Amino acid sequence: MKTGIAKSWVVVLLLVCFGLTACGPVQSTTRISNAEVALERARVNDAEMHSPYEYYRARHYLHKAKEEWGYSNFEAARDYAVEAQRAATAAIDNTREAPWRGHPVLGRDARPEDVEAMDSDELDPFDDGLD
């Protein structure tokens, strides 16, 4: 009877140890995946234009999370991924609360590519066109 109880305790102890070792990689991978989804949502909502600080903060935190995950530093990877998700969510919120859509000077339909293609004379806010 005692050997049966001892064997069951060994099995339980092994399962607990296995469960604890799997937590780090599983949690960090899940958090990184959630951060990637949040960052993609921010990109689709044009957060790069409306909330660049939070957007790039999320990108860099996500990059660092993947780097730490690659070095098997799963706790740091999880922490960086959580920060990346928070920053991406903040970028989405700021984008939705933006008082305008599109470019702040050129209007609703202007994209960053359009701004780069324009001459600097066309962007002069003080030019009244009278000269």
Protein backbone atom coordinates (compact mmCIF):
# COMPACT_ATOMS: atom_id res chain seq x y z
CA MET A 1 0.00 0.00 0.00
CA LYS A 2 2.82 2.41 0.88
CA THR A 3 4.58 1.84 -2.44
CA GLY A 4 1.37 2.72 -4.32
CA ILE A 5 1.04 5.99 -2.38
CA ALA A 6 4.72 6.80 -2.91
CA LYS A 7 4.40 6.16 -6.66
CA SER A 8 1.35 8.38 -6.89
CA TRP A 9 3.18 11.18 -5.04
CA VAL A 10 6.13 10.86 -7.44
CA VAL A 11 3.76 11.08 -10.41
CA VAL A 12 2.04 14.13 -8.93
CA LEU A 13 5.40 15.77 -8.19
CA LEU A 14 6.61 15.12 -11.74
CA LEU A 15 3.42 16.57 -13.21
CA VAL A 16 3.72 19.68 -11.06
CA CYS A 17 7.38 20.14 -12.04
CA PHE A 18 6.52 19.67 -15.71
CA GLY A 19 3.66 22.13 -15.40
CA LEU A 20 5.87 24.75 -13.79
CA THR A 21 8.58 24.47 -16.42
CA ALA A 22 6.06 24.79 -19.25
CA CYS A 23 4.47 27.94 -17.83
CA GLY A 24 7.22 30.34 -18.89
CA PRO A 25 7.41 29.43 -22.58
CA VAL A 26 3.65 29.05 -22.92
CA GLN A 27 2.80 32.32 -21.20
CA SER A 28 5.43 34.34 -23.04
CA THR A 29 4.45 32.87 -26.41
CA THR A 30 0.79 33.64 -25.75
CA ARG A 31 1.57 37.21 -24.67
CA ILE A 32 3.78 37.77 -27.72
CA SER A 33 0.99 36.51 -29.97
CA ASN A 34 -1.54 38.84 -28.29
CA ALA A 35 0.85 41.77 -28.67
CA GLU A 36 1.30 41.00 -32.37
CA VAL A 37 -2.46 41.04 -32.87
CA ALA A 38 -2.81 44.33 -30.99
CA LEU A 39 0.03 45.90 -33.00
CA GLU A 40 -1.56 44.80 -36.27
CA ARG A 41 -4.86 46.34 -35.17
CA ALA A 42 -3.03 49.56 -34.40
CA ARG A 43 -1.39 49.52 -37.84
CA VAL A 44 -4.73 48.97 -39.57
CA ASN A 45 -6.21 51.92 -37.62
CA ASP A 46 -3.39 54.21 -38.87
CA ALA A 47 -1.88 54.55 -35.41
CA GLU A 48 1.49 55.17 -37.04
CA MET A 49 0.14 58.52 -38.22
CA HIS A 50 -2.16 59.47 -35.33
CA SER A 51 -0.30 58.03 -32.36
CA PRO A 52 3.30 57.47 -33.43
CA TYR A 53 4.84 57.41 -29.94
CA GLU A 54 2.66 54.57 -28.70
CA TYR A 55 2.81 52.72 -32.02
CA TYR A 56 6.59 52.68 -32.22
CA ARG A 57 6.84 51.96 -28.51
CA ALA A 58 4.72 48.86 -29.07
CA ARG A 59 6.84 47.80 -32.06
CA HIS A 60 10.08 48.11 -30.14
CA TYR A 61 8.75 46.36 -27.05
CA LEU A 62 7.49 43.51 -29.23
CA HIS A 63 10.88 43.27 -30.92
CA LYS A 64 12.58 43.11 -27.52
CA ALA A 65 10.09 40.47 -26.31
CA LYS A 66 10.95 38.26 -29.28
CA GLU A 67 14.64 38.80 -28.68
CA GLU A 68 14.37 37.80 -25.02
CA TRP A 69 12.23 34.80 -25.98
CA GLY A 70 15.00 33.73 -28.35
CA TYR A 71 17.46 33.79 -25.46
CA SER A 72 15.01 31.67 -23.39
CA ASN A 73 14.47 34.52 -20.95
CA PHE A 74 10.75 33.85 -20.84
CA GLU A 75 9.86 36.07 -17.89
CA ALA A 76 11.41 39.14 -19.50
CA ALA A 77 9.81 38.20 -22.83
CA ARG A 78 6.40 38.04 -21.16
CA ASP A 79 6.93 41.42 -19.47
CA TYR A 80 8.01 43.10 -22.72
CA ALA A 81 5.10 41.53 -24.59
CA VAL A 82 2.65 42.83 -21.99
CA GLU A 83 4.11 46.34 -22.37
CA ALA A 84 3.90 46.03 -26.16
CA GLN A 85 0.24 45.09 -25.93
CA ARG A 86 -0.48 48.01 -23.58
CA ALA A 87 1.26 50.45 -25.92
CA ALA A 88 -0.56 49.08 -28.97
CA THR A 89 -3.89 49.35 -27.15
CA ALA A 90 -3.05 52.93 -26.16
CA ALA A 91 -2.20 53.69 -29.79
CA ILE A 92 -5.55 52.31 -30.91
CA ASP A 93 -7.37 54.36 -28.27
CA ASN A 94 -5.51 57.54 -29.23
CA THR A 95 -6.26 56.94 -32.89
CA ARG A 96 -9.96 56.50 -32.22
CA GLU A 97 -10.01 59.66 -30.12
CA ALA A 98 -8.11 61.73 -32.70
CA PRO A 99 -10.01 64.91 -33.59
CA TRP A 100 -9.40 64.32 -37.29
CA ARG A 101 -9.01 61.47 -39.73
CA GLY A 102 -6.33 61.54 -42.38
CA HIS A 103 -3.46 63.97 -42.44
CA PRO A 104 -3.82 66.96 -40.06
CA VAL A 105 -2.84 69.55 -42.72
CA LEU A 106 -3.73 67.99 -46.05
CA GLY A 107 -7.11 66.55 -45.19
CA ARG A 108 -8.91 63.28 -44.80
CA ASP A 109 -7.69 61.43 -47.88
CA ALA A 110 -3.97 62.24 -47.69
CA ARG A 111 -1.62 59.35 -46.91
CA PRO A 112 2.00 59.57 -45.68
CA GLU A 113 3.19 58.62 -49.17
CA ASP A 114 1.38 61.66 -50.59
CA VAL A 115 3.08 63.96 -48.12
CA GLU A 116 6.54 62.61 -48.97
CA ALA A 117 5.89 63.11 -52.69
CA MET A 118 4.93 66.79 -52.31
CA ASP A 119 7.35 69.68 -52.58
CA SER A 120 8.13 71.63 -49.44
CA ASP A 121 6.60 74.75 -51.08
CA GLU A 122 3.24 72.99 -51.22
CA LEU A 123 3.35 72.37 -47.46
CA ASP A 124 4.09 75.97 -46.45
CA PRO A 125 1.24 76.95 -44.10
CA PHE A 126 2.07 80.67 -44.37
CA ASP A 127 1.93 80.80 -48.13
CA ASP A 128 -1.19 82.68 -49.12
CA GLY A 129 -0.48 82.33 -52.85
CA LEU A 130 -0.32 86.11 -53.43
CA ASP A 131 3.31 86.40 -54.58
